[in-house]
Amino acid sequence: MQDVGPSPDWVRLREVLAADAEPELVPALVLVDQPVLGEYGQRGGLFGLLEAGAAAQSVCLRMAQQRLGGYLIGGAADADVLALLGLRGRPVRLAAVVAGGRTFTRR
């Protein structure tokens, strides 16, 4: 993982996520495919998605272990999230975003 810039404006992020409150945690997994595609061809893009999926799963499992709620954000928000991160127009793609962090109790 690598920081790519400052955190986006929470109010705008909340709008993009259609959330009722600001999430406490929003890791965004961004892929730079070109180096991997150059070495492995189209399979390289799949490798990145597999790694991002495993990382997102690890985040979700840890949140569940700590009784924190969260959800994966689907592809419909990709362009907006990349813009909030200042990455619009860059040769990257959004692999996964997890929003959450609020404590929950089971009933």
C-alpha atoms as a PDB file:
ATOM      1  CA  MET A   1       0.000   0.000   0.000  1.00  0.00           C
ATOM      2  CA  GLN A   2       1.045   3.527  -0.679  1.00  0.00           C
ATOM      3  CA  ASP A   3      -0.387   6.927   0.138  1.00  0.00           C
ATOM      4  CA  VAL A   4      -1.321   8.768  -3.046  1.00  0.00           C
ATOM      5  CA  GLY A   5      -2.444  12.049  -1.554  1.00  0.00           C
ATOM      6  CA  PRO A   6      -4.511  13.661   1.150  1.00  0.00           C
ATOM      7  CA  SER A   7      -7.808  12.141   2.221  1.00  0.00           C
ATOM      8  CA  PRO A   8     -10.753  13.333   0.159  1.00  0.00           C
ATOM      9  CA  ASP A   9     -13.329  15.696   1.550  1.00  0.00           C
ATOM     10  CA  TRP A  10     -15.553  13.596   3.832  1.00  0.00           C
ATOM     11  CA  VAL A  11     -18.742  15.400   2.898  1.00  0.00           C
ATOM     12  CA  ARG A  12     -18.159  14.729  -0.809  1.00  0.00           C
ATOM     13  CA  LEU A  13     -17.082  11.143  -0.109  1.00  0.00           C
ATOM     14  CA  ARG A  14     -20.256  10.592   1.872  1.00  0.00           C
ATOM     15  CA  GLU A  15     -22.266  11.767  -1.133  1.00  0.00           C
ATOM     16  CA  VAL A  16     -20.391   9.448  -3.504  1.00  0.00           C
ATOM     17  CA  LEU A  17     -20.892   6.494  -1.151  1.00  0.00           C
ATOM     18  CA  ALA A  18     -24.546   7.397  -0.510  1.00  0.00           C
ATOM     19  CA  ALA A  19     -23.790   6.910   3.193  1.00  0.00           C
ATOM     20  CA  ASP A  20     -25.835   8.337   6.040  1.00  0.00           C
ATOM     21  CA  ALA A  21     -22.678   9.326   7.963  1.00  0.00           C
ATOM     22  CA  GLU A  22     -18.995   9.755   7.296  1.00  0.00           C
ATOM     23  CA  PRO A  23     -17.248   6.375   7.370  1.00  0.00           C
ATOM     24  CA  GLU A  24     -14.373   6.055   9.793  1.00  0.00           C
ATOM     25  CA  LEU A  25     -12.298   3.963   7.411  1.00  0.00           C
ATOM     26  CA  VAL A  26     -12.185   3.958   3.601  1.00  0.00           C
ATOM     27  CA  PRO A  27      -9.245   2.064   2.117  1.00  0.00           C
ATOM     28  CA  ALA A  28      -9.201   2.400  -1.665  1.00  0.00           C
ATOM     29  CA  LEU A  29      -7.196  -0.205  -3.550  1.00  0.00           C
ATOM     30  CA  VAL A  30      -5.889   1.263  -6.792  1.00  0.00           C
ATOM     31  CA  LEU A  31      -4.080  -0.732  -9.478  1.00  0.00           C
ATOM     32  CA  VAL A  32      -1.342   0.461 -11.794  1.00  0.00           C
ATOM     33  CA  ASP A  33      -1.610  -2.251 -14.425  1.00  0.00           C
ATOM     34  CA  GLN A  34       0.977  -1.270 -17.018  1.00  0.00           C
ATOM     35  CA  PRO A  35       4.072  -2.844 -15.409  1.00  0.00           C
ATOM     36  CA  VAL A  36       2.265  -6.131 -14.811  1.00  0.00           C
ATOM     37  CA  LEU A  37       0.546  -6.151 -18.210  1.00  0.00           C
ATOM     38  CA  GLY A  38       3.907  -5.617 -19.864  1.00  0.00           C
ATOM     39  CA  GLU A  39       5.326  -8.680 -18.164  1.00  0.00           C
ATOM     40  CA  TYR A  40       2.335 -11.051 -18.066  1.00  0.00           C
ATOM     41  CA  GLY A  41      -0.081  -9.768 -20.702  1.00  0.00           C
ATOM     42  CA  GLN A  42      -3.798  -9.798 -19.970  1.00  0.00           C
ATOM     43  CA  ARG A  43      -3.284 -12.257 -17.131  1.00  0.00           C
ATOM     44  CA  GLY A  44      -1.429  -9.485 -15.311  1.00  0.00           C
ATOM     45  CA  GLY A  45      -4.654  -7.507 -14.935  1.00  0.00           C
ATOM     46  CA  LEU A  46      -6.275 -10.536 -13.335  1.00  0.00           C
ATOM     47  CA  PHE A  47      -3.355 -10.928 -10.921  1.00  0.00           C
ATOM     48  CA  GLY A  48      -3.912  -7.381  -9.669  1.00  0.00           C
ATOM     49  CA  LEU A  49      -7.615  -7.975  -9.116  1.00  0.00           C
ATOM     50  CA  LEU A  50      -6.923 -11.207  -7.242  1.00  0.00           C
ATOM     51  CA  GLU A  51      -4.452  -9.445  -4.945  1.00  0.00           C
ATOM     52  CA  ALA A  52      -6.835  -6.531  -4.394  1.00  0.00           C
ATOM     53  CA  GLY A  53      -9.661  -8.947  -3.591  1.00  0.00           C
ATOM     54  CA  ALA A  54      -7.507 -10.727  -1.028  1.00  0.00           C
ATOM     55  CA  ALA A  55      -6.530  -7.396   0.542  1.00  0.00           C
ATOM     56  CA  ALA A  56     -10.167  -6.241   0.669  1.00  0.00           C
ATOM     57  CA  GLN A  57     -11.172  -9.549   2.244  1.00  0.00           C
ATOM     58  CA  SER A  58      -8.470  -9.135   4.901  1.00  0.00           C
ATOM     59  CA  VAL A  59      -9.760  -5.650   5.725  1.00  0.00           C
ATOM     60  CA  CYS A  60     -13.352  -6.930   5.960  1.00  0.00           C
ATOM     61  CA  LEU A  61     -12.375  -9.897   8.122  1.00  0.00           C
ATOM     62  CA  ARG A  62     -10.455  -7.651  10.504  1.00  0.00           C
ATOM     63  CA  MET A  63     -13.373  -5.232  10.723  1.00  0.00           C
ATOM     64  CA  ALA A  64     -15.742  -8.132  11.479  1.00  0.00           C
ATOM     65  CA  GLN A  65     -13.354  -9.435  14.141  1.00  0.00           C
ATOM     66  CA  GLN A  66     -13.480  -6.042  15.819  1.00  0.00           C
ATOM     67  CA  ARG A  67     -17.282  -5.841  15.402  1.00  0.00           C
ATOM     68  CA  LEU A  68     -17.077  -2.976  12.941  1.00  0.00           C
ATOM     69  CA  GLY A  69     -19.601  -2.661  10.153  1.00  0.00           C
ATOM     70  CA  GLY A  70     -18.613  -2.022   6.575  1.00  0.00           C
ATOM     71  CA  TYR A  71     -19.291  -2.761   2.946  1.00  0.00           C
ATOM     72  CA  LEU A  72     -17.581  -3.044  -0.411  1.00  0.00           C
ATOM     73  CA  ILE A  73     -18.379  -0.257  -2.830  1.00  0.00           C
ATOM     74  CA  GLY A  74     -19.312  -1.389  -6.311  1.00  0.00           C
ATOM     75  CA  GLY A  75     -17.946  -0.222  -9.631  1.00  0.00           C
ATOM     76  CA  ALA A  76     -20.607   2.435 -10.162  1.00  0.00           C
ATOM     77  CA  ALA A  77     -18.589   4.846  -7.995  1.00  0.00           C
ATOM     78  CA  ASP A  78     -15.171   4.190  -9.601  1.00  0.00           C
ATOM     79  CA  ALA A  79     -14.858   7.452 -11.562  1.00  0.00           C
ATOM     80  CA  ASP A  80     -16.064   9.573  -8.642  1.00  0.00           C
ATOM     81  CA  VAL A  81     -13.729   7.904  -6.131  1.00  0.00           C
ATOM     82  CA  LEU A  82     -10.726   8.237  -8.473  1.00  0.00           C
ATOM     83  CA  ALA A  83     -11.577  11.922  -8.929  1.00  0.00           C
ATOM     84  CA  LEU A  84     -11.748  12.421  -5.147  1.00  0.00           C
ATOM     85  CA  LEU A  85      -8.318  10.802  -4.846  1.00  0.00           C
ATOM     86  CA  GLY A  86      -6.927  13.125  -7.515  1.00  0.00           C
ATOM     87  CA  LEU A  87      -6.322  10.200  -9.872  1.00  0.00           C
ATOM     88  CA  ARG A  88      -8.820  10.950 -12.642  1.00  0.00           C
ATOM     89  CA  GLY A  89      -7.139  10.624 -16.028  1.00  0.00           C
ATOM     90  CA  ARG A  90      -4.167   8.714 -14.627  1.00  0.00           C
ATOM     91  CA  PRO A  91      -3.313   5.209 -15.923  1.00  0.00           C
ATOM     92  CA  VAL A  92      -4.856   3.472 -12.900  1.00  0.00           C
ATOM     93  CA  ARG A  93      -8.057   1.654 -12.055  1.00  0.00           C
ATOM     94  CA  LEU A  94      -9.953   1.276  -8.854  1.00  0.00           C
ATOM     95  CA  ALA A  95      -9.921  -2.364  -7.762  1.00  0.00           C
ATOM     96  CA  ALA A  96     -11.894  -2.158  -4.519  1.00  0.00           C
ATOM     97  CA  VAL A  97     -13.088   0.268  -1.877  1.00  0.00           C
ATOM     98  CA  VAL A  98     -14.224  -0.714   1.597  1.00  0.00           C
ATOM     99  CA  ALA A  99     -16.147   1.780   3.710  1.00  0.00           C
ATOM    100  CA  GLY A 100     -16.942   1.250   7.344  1.00  0.00           C
ATOM    101  CA  GLY A 101     -15.706   1.368  10.871  1.00  0.00           C
ATOM    102  CA  ARG A 102     -18.817   1.943  12.935  1.00  0.00           C
ATOM    103  CA  THR A 103     -19.390  -0.502  15.797  1.00  0.00           C
ATOM    104  CA  PHE A 104     -22.393  -2.783  15.485  1.00  0.00           C
ATOM    105  CA  THR A 105     -24.171  -5.209  17.750  1.00  0.00           C
ATOM    106  CA  ARG A 106     -25.874  -8.401  16.686  1.00  0.00           C
ATOM    107  CA  ARG A 107     -29.456  -9.023  17.617  1.00  0.00           C
END
